[in-house]
Amino acid sequence: MDWLGSDFPFSSSALEGKHAIVCGASKGIGAATAKMLAKAGAKVTAVSRNPHDLVGELEGDGHTGISLDLEDKDAIDKFISTIGECHILINNAAGPPGGPLLDNEVEDFEAPFRRHLHASHTLVRGLVPKMEAAGMGRIVNIISTSVREPIPNIGLSNTLRGAMASWAKSLSRELPTCITINNVLPGFTDTDRLGSLASSINAKTGKSIEEIHAGWMSQVPIERLIDPLETGAAIAYLCMPISGGIRGVSLAVDGGRMRSI
């Protein structure tokens, strides 16, 4: 299906005049989200550690790309100081390496927590006044289904994602009335991250990549990987003015894989 084609479910003016900051926008779900927000009319600032050419792929004009290390708080503060009006913030960053939790030293938690929780908190604290002044704010965190059902062999990621979900739920009770915060929980999605996880499992267990994928798909009622643009569409909806009644939720986009309610 052409997820960016004529069947696009949102008006191209739904986010007209809105400025969206998308972190981790160089690839995967971050890039897909930037495309969906631009398709809906937002002006996108695409943030990533490494330079990229995503901006040239976005529909419409006025988009910018920023190279930013989310583990560098001083750099984040400097970036915030350059932002004028802001309506939308997408918190997203690369996940930590896989492996059993007991294999991790305490020091292994530091960089992932800086990149995710600390960076998100710094961005939110800096941008909330700008959103409140604009009269509308939408914050969406791209985390994981592991906040409800921990996933084997990614113990550090499970811990980090759970912390992000609790942080967001706490903020949902504190933010100004015009600002919402929600989480999107991707399932098995067709991204480089999933490919890396499959390779890691292959190296540890000897199972073929095909066997690993088949095992994953046996858990998913729709029997296929999620397209990143499908996840981006769900995120874009949570950024719409009409979504103001949705606050503090964790929305799974997993093809029905999770068994919990």
C-alpha atoms as a PDB file:
ATOM      1  CA  MET A   1       0.000   0.000   0.000  1.00  0.00           C
ATOM      2  CA  ASP A   2       1.178   3.536  -0.762  1.00  0.00           C
ATOM      3  CA  TRP A   3       1.107   5.005   2.741  1.00  0.00           C
ATOM      4  CA  LEU A   4       2.053   8.451   1.410  1.00  0.00           C
ATOM      5  CA  GLY A   5      -0.266   8.310  -1.588  1.00  0.00           C
ATOM      6  CA  SER A   6      -3.762   9.539  -2.332  1.00  0.00           C
ATOM      7  CA  ASP A   7      -5.286   7.488   0.490  1.00  0.00           C
ATOM      8  CA  PHE A   8      -3.468   9.582   3.107  1.00  0.00           C
ATOM      9  CA  PRO A   9      -6.064   9.942   5.871  1.00  0.00           C
ATOM     10  CA  PHE A  10      -5.299  13.490   6.991  1.00  0.00           C
ATOM     11  CA  SER A  11      -5.927  16.800   5.284  1.00  0.00           C
ATOM     12  CA  SER A  12      -2.744  18.360   3.943  1.00  0.00           C
ATOM     13  CA  SER A  13      -3.665  21.468   5.930  1.00  0.00           C
ATOM     14  CA  ALA A  14      -4.410  19.717   9.252  1.00  0.00           C
ATOM     15  CA  LEU A  15      -1.100  20.911  10.690  1.00  0.00           C
ATOM     16  CA  GLU A  16      -0.624  23.981   8.533  1.00  0.00           C
ATOM     17  CA  GLY A  17       1.246  26.680  10.423  1.00  0.00           C
ATOM     18  CA  LYS A  18       2.515  24.190  13.023  1.00  0.00           C
ATOM     19  CA  HIS A  19       6.211  23.609  13.730  1.00  0.00           C
ATOM     20  CA  ALA A  20       7.269  20.048  14.568  1.00  0.00           C
ATOM     21  CA  ILE A  21      10.617  18.929  15.983  1.00  0.00           C
ATOM     22  CA  VAL A  22      11.319  15.269  15.235  1.00  0.00           C
ATOM     23  CA  CYS A  23      14.265  13.617  16.995  1.00  0.00           C
ATOM     24  CA  GLY A  24      16.011  10.588  15.548  1.00  0.00           C
ATOM     25  CA  ALA A  25      14.694  11.584  12.138  1.00  0.00           C
ATOM     26  CA  SER A  26      17.418  10.177   9.916  1.00  0.00           C
ATOM     27  CA  LYS A  27      15.800   6.764   9.414  1.00  0.00           C
ATOM     28  CA  GLY A  28      13.182   4.288  10.568  1.00  0.00           C
ATOM     29  CA  ILE A  29      10.130   5.439  12.485  1.00  0.00           C
ATOM     30  CA  GLY A  30      11.625   8.895  13.070  1.00  0.00           C
ATOM     31  CA  ALA A  31      12.002   9.544   9.347  1.00  0.00           C
ATOM     32  CA  ALA A  32       8.539   8.107   8.649  1.00  0.00           C
ATOM     33  CA  THR A  33       7.024  10.381  11.291  1.00  0.00           C
ATOM     34  CA  ALA A  34       8.703  13.435   9.782  1.00  0.00           C
ATOM     35  CA  LYS A  35       7.240  12.499   6.391  1.00  0.00           C
ATOM     36  CA  MET A  36       3.733  12.069   7.798  1.00  0.00           C
ATOM     37  CA  LEU A  37       3.840  15.357   9.707  1.00  0.00           C
ATOM     38  CA  ALA A  38       5.062  17.175   6.609  1.00  0.00           C
ATOM     39  CA  LYS A  39       2.314  15.504   4.566  1.00  0.00           C
ATOM     40  CA  ALA A  40      -0.196  16.917   7.069  1.00  0.00           C
ATOM     41  CA  GLY A  41       1.177  20.432   6.541  1.00  0.00           C
ATOM     42  CA  ALA A  42       3.637  20.884   9.434  1.00  0.00           C
ATOM     43  CA  LYS A  43       7.019  22.530   9.041  1.00  0.00           C
ATOM     44  CA  VAL A  44       9.492  19.964  10.266  1.00  0.00           C
ATOM     45  CA  THR A  45      12.834  20.366  11.997  1.00  0.00           C
ATOM     46  CA  ALA A  46      14.465  16.962  11.521  1.00  0.00           C
ATOM     47  CA  VAL A  47      16.987  16.246  14.288  1.00  0.00           C
ATOM     48  CA  SER A  48      19.620  13.510  14.156  1.00  0.00           C
ATOM     49  CA  ARG A  49      23.192  12.910  15.273  1.00  0.00           C
ATOM     50  CA  ASN A  50      24.524  12.540  11.756  1.00  0.00           C
ATOM     51  CA  PRO A  51      23.847  14.795   8.753  1.00  0.00           C
ATOM     52  CA  HIS A  52      21.142  13.455   6.456  1.00  0.00           C
ATOM     53  CA  ASP A  53      19.158  14.414   3.380  1.00  0.00           C
ATOM     54  CA  LEU A  54      15.664  13.646   4.715  1.00  0.00           C
ATOM     55  CA  VAL A  55      14.564  17.274   4.357  1.00  0.00           C
ATOM     56  CA  GLY A  56      14.706  16.949   0.575  1.00  0.00           C
ATOM     57  CA  GLU A  57      12.213  14.073   0.762  1.00  0.00           C
ATOM     58  CA  LEU A  58       9.606  15.963   2.795  1.00  0.00           C
ATOM     59  CA  GLU A  59       6.489  17.317   1.144  1.00  0.00           C
ATOM     60  CA  GLY A  60       6.131  21.102   1.256  1.00  0.00           C
ATOM     61  CA  ASP A  61       8.604  23.876   2.009  1.00  0.00           C
ATOM     62  CA  GLY A  62      10.304  25.381   5.035  1.00  0.00           C
ATOM     63  CA  HIS A  63      11.716  22.182   6.553  1.00  0.00           C
ATOM     64  CA  THR A  64      15.159  22.132   8.171  1.00  0.00           C
ATOM     65  CA  GLY A  65      17.666  19.524   9.272  1.00  0.00           C
ATOM     66  CA  ILE A  66      19.733  19.822  12.448  1.00  0.00           C
ATOM     67  CA  SER A  67      22.693  17.680  13.532  1.00  0.00           C
ATOM     68  CA  LEU A  68      22.457  17.198  17.311  1.00  0.00           C
ATOM     69  CA  ASP A  69      23.920  14.740  19.807  1.00  0.00           C
ATOM     70  CA  LEU A  70      21.086  13.954  22.235  1.00  0.00           C
ATOM     71  CA  GLU A  71      23.621  12.841  24.841  1.00  0.00           C
ATOM     72  CA  ASP A  72      25.001  16.410  25.000  1.00  0.00           C
ATOM     73  CA  LYS A  73      22.779  18.508  27.296  1.00  0.00           C
ATOM     74  CA  ASP A  74      24.645  21.742  26.536  1.00  0.00           C
ATOM     75  CA  ALA A  75      24.071  21.211  22.815  1.00  0.00           C
ATOM     76  CA  ILE A  76      20.365  20.553  23.450  1.00  0.00           C
ATOM     77  CA  ASP A  77      20.070  23.753  25.502  1.00  0.00           C
ATOM     78  CA  LYS A  78      21.749  25.707  22.700  1.00  0.00           C
ATOM     79  CA  PHE A  79      19.386  24.151  20.161  1.00  0.00           C
ATOM     80  CA  ILE A  80      16.333  25.103  22.255  1.00  0.00           C
ATOM     81  CA  SER A  81      17.546  28.698  22.397  1.00  0.00           C
ATOM     82  CA  THR A  82      17.376  28.869  18.584  1.00  0.00           C
ATOM     83  CA  ILE A  83      13.741  27.715  18.418  1.00  0.00           C
ATOM     84  CA  GLY A  84      11.006  30.294  18.020  1.00  0.00           C
ATOM     85  CA  GLU A  85       7.471  28.971  17.905  1.00  0.00           C
ATOM     86  CA  CYS A  86       7.021  25.246  18.526  1.00  0.00           C
ATOM     87  CA  HIS A  87       3.875  23.095  18.610  1.00  0.00           C
ATOM     88  CA  ILE A  88       5.029  19.472  18.297  1.00  0.00           C
ATOM     89  CA  LEU A  89       7.898  17.482  19.811  1.00  0.00           C
ATOM     90  CA  ILE A  90       8.636  13.876  18.866  1.00  0.00           C
ATOM     91  CA  ASN A  91      11.046  12.252  21.329  1.00  0.00           C
ATOM     92  CA  ASN A  92      12.856   9.413  19.613  1.00  0.00           C
ATOM     93  CA  ALA A  93      16.381   8.000  19.668  1.00  0.00           C
ATOM     94  CA  ALA A  94      18.314   4.834  18.892  1.00  0.00           C
ATOM     95  CA  GLY A  95      17.805   2.036  21.387  1.00  0.00           C
ATOM     96  CA  PRO A  96      20.607   0.549  23.508  1.00  0.00           C
ATOM     97  CA  PRO A  97      22.362  -2.710  22.588  1.00  0.00           C
ATOM     98  CA  GLY A  98      20.589  -5.984  23.298  1.00  0.00           C
ATOM     99  CA  GLY A  99      21.580  -8.650  25.783  1.00  0.00           C
ATOM    100  CA  PRO A 100      20.590  -9.989  29.210  1.00  0.00           C
ATOM    101  CA  LEU A 101      20.149  -7.343  31.893  1.00  0.00           C
ATOM    102  CA  LEU A 102      22.577  -9.115  34.238  1.00  0.00           C
ATOM    103  CA  ASP A 103      25.340  -8.646  31.656  1.00  0.00           C
ATOM    104  CA  ASN A 104      25.119  -4.860  32.046  1.00  0.00           C
ATOM    105  CA  GLU A 105      27.327  -2.827  34.351  1.00  0.00           C
ATOM    106  CA  VAL A 106      25.815   0.261  36.011  1.00  0.00           C
ATOM    107  CA  GLU A 107      27.850   2.406  33.613  1.00  0.00           C
ATOM    108  CA  ASP A 108      26.027   0.857  30.650  1.00  0.00           C
ATOM    109  CA  PHE A 109      22.847   2.682  31.688  1.00  0.00           C
ATOM    110  CA  GLU A 110      24.357   6.159  31.520  1.00  0.00           C
ATOM    111  CA  ALA A 111      24.527   6.926  27.780  1.00  0.00           C
ATOM    112  CA  PRO A 112      21.096   5.432  26.896  1.00  0.00           C
ATOM    113  CA  PHE A 113      19.415   7.310  29.752  1.00  0.00           C
ATOM    114  CA  ARG A 114      21.109  10.568  28.662  1.00  0.00           C
ATOM    115  CA  ARG A 115      20.034   9.979  25.064  1.00  0.00           C
ATOM    116  CA  HIS A 116      16.432   9.143  25.919  1.00  0.00           C
ATOM    117  CA  LEU A 117      15.090  10.228  29.306  1.00  0.00           C
ATOM    118  CA  HIS A 118      17.469  13.092  30.050  1.00  0.00           C
ATOM    119  CA  ALA A 119      17.296  14.526  26.524  1.00  0.00           C
ATOM    120  CA  SER A 120      13.503  14.256  26.430  1.00  0.00           C
ATOM    121  CA  HIS A 121      13.174  15.974  29.803  1.00  0.00           C
ATOM    122  CA  THR A 122      15.514  18.775  28.742  1.00  0.00           C
ATOM    123  CA  LEU A 123      13.605  19.303  25.495  1.00  0.00           C
ATOM    124  CA  VAL A 124      10.210  19.277  27.216  1.00  0.00           C
ATOM    125  CA  ARG A 125      11.268  21.741  29.914  1.00  0.00           C
ATOM    126  CA  GLY A 126      12.676  24.081  27.273  1.00  0.00           C
ATOM    127  CA  LEU A 127       9.841  23.816  24.770  1.00  0.00           C
ATOM    128  CA  VAL A 128       6.740  23.746  27.003  1.00  0.00           C
ATOM    129  CA  PRO A 129       6.794  27.554  27.506  1.00  0.00           C
ATOM    130  CA  LYS A 130       6.925  28.002  23.730  1.00  0.00           C
ATOM    131  CA  MET A 131       4.031  25.570  23.234  1.00  0.00           C
ATOM    132  CA  GLU A 132       1.965  27.263  25.914  1.00  0.00           C
ATOM    133  CA  ALA A 133       2.602  30.651  24.311  1.00  0.00           C
ATOM    134  CA  ALA A 134       1.468  29.183  20.962  1.00  0.00           C
ATOM    135  CA  GLY A 135      -1.724  27.874  22.579  1.00  0.00           C
ATOM    136  CA  MET A 136      -1.113  24.237  21.582  1.00  0.00           C
ATOM    137  CA  GLY A 137       1.453  21.554  22.268  1.00  0.00           C
ATOM    138  CA  ARG A 138       1.763  17.894  21.341  1.00  0.00           C
ATOM    139  CA  ILE A 139       4.523  15.681  22.768  1.00  0.00           C
ATOM    140  CA  VAL A 140       4.822  12.097  21.535  1.00  0.00           C
ATOM    141  CA  ASN A 141       7.444   9.645  22.756  1.00  0.00           C
ATOM    142  CA  ILE A 142       8.366   6.715  20.523  1.00  0.00           C
ATOM    143  CA  ILE A 143       9.214   3.924  22.960  1.00  0.00           C
ATOM    144  CA  SER A 144       8.294   0.201  22.876  1.00  0.00           C
ATOM    145  CA  THR A 145       5.697  -2.437  23.671  1.00  0.00           C
ATOM    146  CA  SER A 146       8.184  -3.597  26.312  1.00  0.00           C
ATOM    147  CA  VAL A 147       6.697  -1.050  28.732  1.00  0.00           C
ATOM    148  CA  ARG A 148       3.810  -3.527  29.087  1.00  0.00           C
ATOM    149  CA  GLU A 149       5.439  -6.827  28.200  1.00  0.00           C
ATOM    150  CA  PRO A 150       9.239  -6.947  28.618  1.00  0.00           C
ATOM    151  CA  ILE A 151      10.986  -8.400  25.588  1.00  0.00           C
ATOM    152  CA  PRO A 152      13.621 -11.124  26.086  1.00  0.00           C
ATOM    153  CA  ASN A 153      17.289 -10.269  25.508  1.00  0.00           C
ATOM    154  CA  ILE A 154      16.901  -6.455  25.607  1.00  0.00           C
ATOM    155  CA  GLY A 155      16.855  -5.926  29.359  1.00  0.00           C
ATOM    156  CA  LEU A 156      18.486  -2.493  29.334  1.00  0.00           C
ATOM    157  CA  SER A 157      16.046  -1.251  26.701  1.00  0.00           C
ATOM    158  CA  ASN A 158      13.093  -2.666  28.676  1.00  0.00           C
ATOM    159  CA  THR A 159      14.252  -0.747  31.758  1.00  0.00           C
ATOM    160  CA  LEU A 160      14.764   2.479  29.853  1.00  0.00           C
ATOM    161  CA  ARG A 161      11.416   2.336  28.032  1.00  0.00           C
ATOM    162  CA  GLY A 162       9.569   1.706  31.294  1.00  0.00           C
ATOM    163  CA  ALA A 163      11.207   4.783  32.812  1.00  0.00           C
ATOM    164  CA  MET A 164      10.145   6.862  29.790  1.00  0.00           C
ATOM    165  CA  ALA A 165       6.534   5.690  30.099  1.00  0.00           C
ATOM    166  CA  SER A 166       6.341   6.547  33.802  1.00  0.00           C
ATOM    167  CA  TRP A 167       7.974   9.928  33.171  1.00  0.00           C
ATOM    168  CA  ALA A 168       5.399  10.729  30.491  1.00  0.00           C
ATOM    169  CA  LYS A 169       2.450   9.620  32.614  1.00  0.00           C
ATOM    170  CA  SER A 170       3.666  11.822  35.457  1.00  0.00           C
ATOM    171  CA  LEU A 171       4.000  14.795  33.109  1.00  0.00           C
ATOM    172  CA  SER A 172       0.499  14.227  31.747  1.00  0.00           C
ATOM    173  CA  ARG A 173      -0.799  15.360  35.153  1.00  0.00           C
ATOM    174  CA  GLU A 174       1.375  18.475  35.241  1.00  0.00           C
ATOM    175  CA  LEU A 175       1.469  19.997  31.766  1.00  0.00           C
ATOM    176  CA  PRO A 176      -0.615  23.061  30.847  1.00  0.00           C
ATOM    177  CA  THR A 177      -4.103  22.248  29.594  1.00  0.00           C
ATOM    178  CA  CYS A 178      -3.271  23.010  25.950  1.00  0.00           C
ATOM    179  CA  ILE A 179      -0.392  20.503  25.846  1.00  0.00           C
ATOM    180  CA  THR A 180      -0.722  16.722  25.610  1.00  0.00           C
ATOM    181  CA  ILE A 181       1.876  14.018  26.048  1.00  0.00           C
ATOM    182  CA  ASN A 182       1.449  10.438  24.820  1.00  0.00           C
ATOM    183  CA  ASN A 183       3.555   7.400  23.972  1.00  0.00           C
ATOM    184  CA  VAL A 184       3.542   5.233  20.874  1.00  0.00           C
ATOM    185  CA  LEU A 185       4.675   1.645  21.371  1.00  0.00           C
ATOM    186  CA  PRO A 186       5.969   0.126  18.124  1.00  0.00           C
ATOM    187  CA  GLY A 187       5.816  -3.613  17.639  1.00  0.00           C
ATOM    188  CA  PHE A 188       7.809  -5.607  15.086  1.00  0.00           C
ATOM    189  CA  THR A 189       8.499  -2.855  12.565  1.00  0.00           C
ATOM    190  CA  ASP A 190      10.426  -3.042   9.304  1.00  0.00           C
ATOM    191  CA  THR A 191      13.448  -0.997  10.420  1.00  0.00           C
ATOM    192  CA  ASP A 192      17.219  -1.368  10.709  1.00  0.00           C
ATOM    193  CA  ARG A 193      16.798  -1.746  14.482  1.00  0.00           C
ATOM    194  CA  LEU A 194      14.767  -4.929  14.027  1.00  0.00           C
ATOM    195  CA  GLY A 195      17.328  -6.222  11.563  1.00  0.00           C
ATOM    196  CA  SER A 196      20.084  -5.653  14.118  1.00  0.00           C
ATOM    197  CA  LEU A 197      18.090  -7.501  16.760  1.00  0.00           C
ATOM    198  CA  ALA A 198      17.599 -10.445  14.400  1.00  0.00           C
ATOM    199  CA  SER A 199      21.335 -10.544  13.691  1.00  0.00           C
ATOM    200  CA  SER A 200      22.072 -10.491  17.429  1.00  0.00           C
ATOM    201  CA  ILE A 201      19.720 -13.421  18.043  1.00  0.00           C
ATOM    202  CA  ASN A 202      21.253 -15.274  15.097  1.00  0.00           C
ATOM    203  CA  ALA A 203      24.745 -14.838  16.566  1.00  0.00           C
ATOM    204  CA  LYS A 204      23.674 -16.022  20.035  1.00  0.00           C
ATOM    205  CA  THR A 205      21.416 -18.922  19.063  1.00  0.00           C
ATOM    206  CA  GLY A 206      22.460 -20.012  15.587  1.00  0.00           C
ATOM    207  CA  LYS A 207      18.890 -19.675  14.337  1.00  0.00           C
ATOM    208  CA  SER A 208      18.616 -18.402  10.768  1.00  0.00           C
ATOM    209  CA  ILE A 209      17.267 -14.911  10.105  1.00  0.00           C
ATOM    210  CA  GLU A 210      14.327 -16.518   8.286  1.00  0.00           C
ATOM    211  CA  GLU A 211      13.548 -18.714  11.289  1.00  0.00           C
ATOM    212  CA  ILE A 212      13.737 -15.724  13.626  1.00  0.00           C
ATOM    213  CA  HIS A 213      11.372 -13.684  11.462  1.00  0.00           C
ATOM    214  CA  ALA A 214       8.956 -16.610  11.190  1.00  0.00           C
ATOM    215  CA  GLY A 215       8.933 -16.894  14.976  1.00  0.00           C
ATOM    216  CA  TRP A 216       8.137 -13.225  15.307  1.00  0.00           C
ATOM    217  CA  MET A 217       5.361 -13.312  12.742  1.00  0.00           C
ATOM    218  CA  SER A 218       3.736 -16.291  14.457  1.00  0.00           C
ATOM    219  CA  GLN A 219       3.032 -13.900  17.344  1.00  0.00           C
ATOM    220  CA  VAL A 220       1.429 -11.178  15.197  1.00  0.00           C
ATOM    221  CA  PRO A 221      -2.212 -11.596  14.144  1.00  0.00           C
ATOM    222  CA  ILE A 222      -1.722  -9.517  10.983  1.00  0.00           C
ATOM    223  CA  GLU A 223       1.194 -11.836  10.063  1.00  0.00           C
ATOM    224  CA  ARG A 224       3.509  -9.129   8.731  1.00  0.00           C
ATOM    225  CA  LEU A 225       5.903  -6.442   9.870  1.00  0.00           C
ATOM    226  CA  ILE A 226       4.532  -2.964  10.501  1.00  0.00           C
ATOM    227  CA  ASP A 227       5.505  -0.365   7.895  1.00  0.00           C
ATOM    228  CA  PRO A 228       7.202   2.588   9.664  1.00  0.00           C
ATOM    229  CA  LEU A 229       4.804   4.926   7.850  1.00  0.00           C
ATOM    230  CA  GLU A 230       1.873   3.191   9.566  1.00  0.00           C
ATOM    231  CA  THR A 231       3.435   4.063  12.906  1.00  0.00           C
ATOM    232  CA  GLY A 232       4.148   7.576  11.646  1.00  0.00           C
ATOM    233  CA  ALA A 233       0.469   7.987  10.762  1.00  0.00           C
ATOM    234  CA  ALA A 234      -0.589   7.066  14.311  1.00  0.00           C
ATOM    235  CA  ILE A 235       1.916   9.566  15.696  1.00  0.00           C
ATOM    236  CA  ALA A 236       0.689  12.257  13.301  1.00  0.00           C
ATOM    237  CA  TYR A 237      -2.872  11.772  14.539  1.00  0.00           C
ATOM    238  CA  LEU A 238      -1.758  12.288  18.140  1.00  0.00           C
ATOM    239  CA  CYS A 239      -0.246  15.598  16.990  1.00  0.00           C
ATOM    240  CA  MET A 240      -3.470  16.932  15.463  1.00  0.00           C
ATOM    241  CA  PRO A 241      -5.439  19.737  17.152  1.00  0.00           C
ATOM    242  CA  ILE A 242      -8.418  17.345  17.222  1.00  0.00           C
ATOM    243  CA  SER A 243      -6.493  14.881  19.432  1.00  0.00           C
ATOM    244  CA  GLY A 244      -6.485  17.181  22.464  1.00  0.00           C
ATOM    245  CA  GLY A 245      -8.633  14.780  24.499  1.00  0.00           C
ATOM    246  CA  ILE A 246      -5.982  12.037  24.308  1.00  0.00           C
ATOM    247  CA  ARG A 247      -3.482  12.558  27.107  1.00  0.00           C
ATOM    248  CA  GLY A 248      -1.157  10.243  29.014  1.00  0.00           C
ATOM    249  CA  VAL A 249      -1.854   7.120  26.948  1.00  0.00           C
ATOM    250  CA  SER A 250       0.481   4.479  25.530  1.00  0.00           C
ATOM    251  CA  LEU A 251      -0.752   3.441  22.087  1.00  0.00           C
ATOM    252  CA  ALA A 252       0.559   0.159  20.686  1.00  0.00           C
ATOM    253  CA  VAL A 253       1.092  -0.093  16.926  1.00  0.00           C
ATOM    254  CA  ASP A 254       2.016  -3.766  16.930  1.00  0.00           C
ATOM    255  CA  GLY A 255      -0.436  -5.618  14.703  1.00  0.00           C
ATOM    256  CA  GLY A 256      -2.115  -7.089  17.767  1.00  0.00           C
ATOM    257  CA  ARG A 257       0.992  -8.891  19.064  1.00  0.00           C
ATOM    258  CA  MET A 258       0.647  -7.988  22.732  1.00  0.00           C
ATOM    259  CA  ARG A 259      -1.631 -10.210  24.764  1.00  0.00           C
ATOM    260  CA  SER A 260      -2.245  -7.694  27.562  1.00  0.00           C
ATOM    261  CA  ILE A 261      -5.279  -5.405  27.553  1.00  0.00           C
END
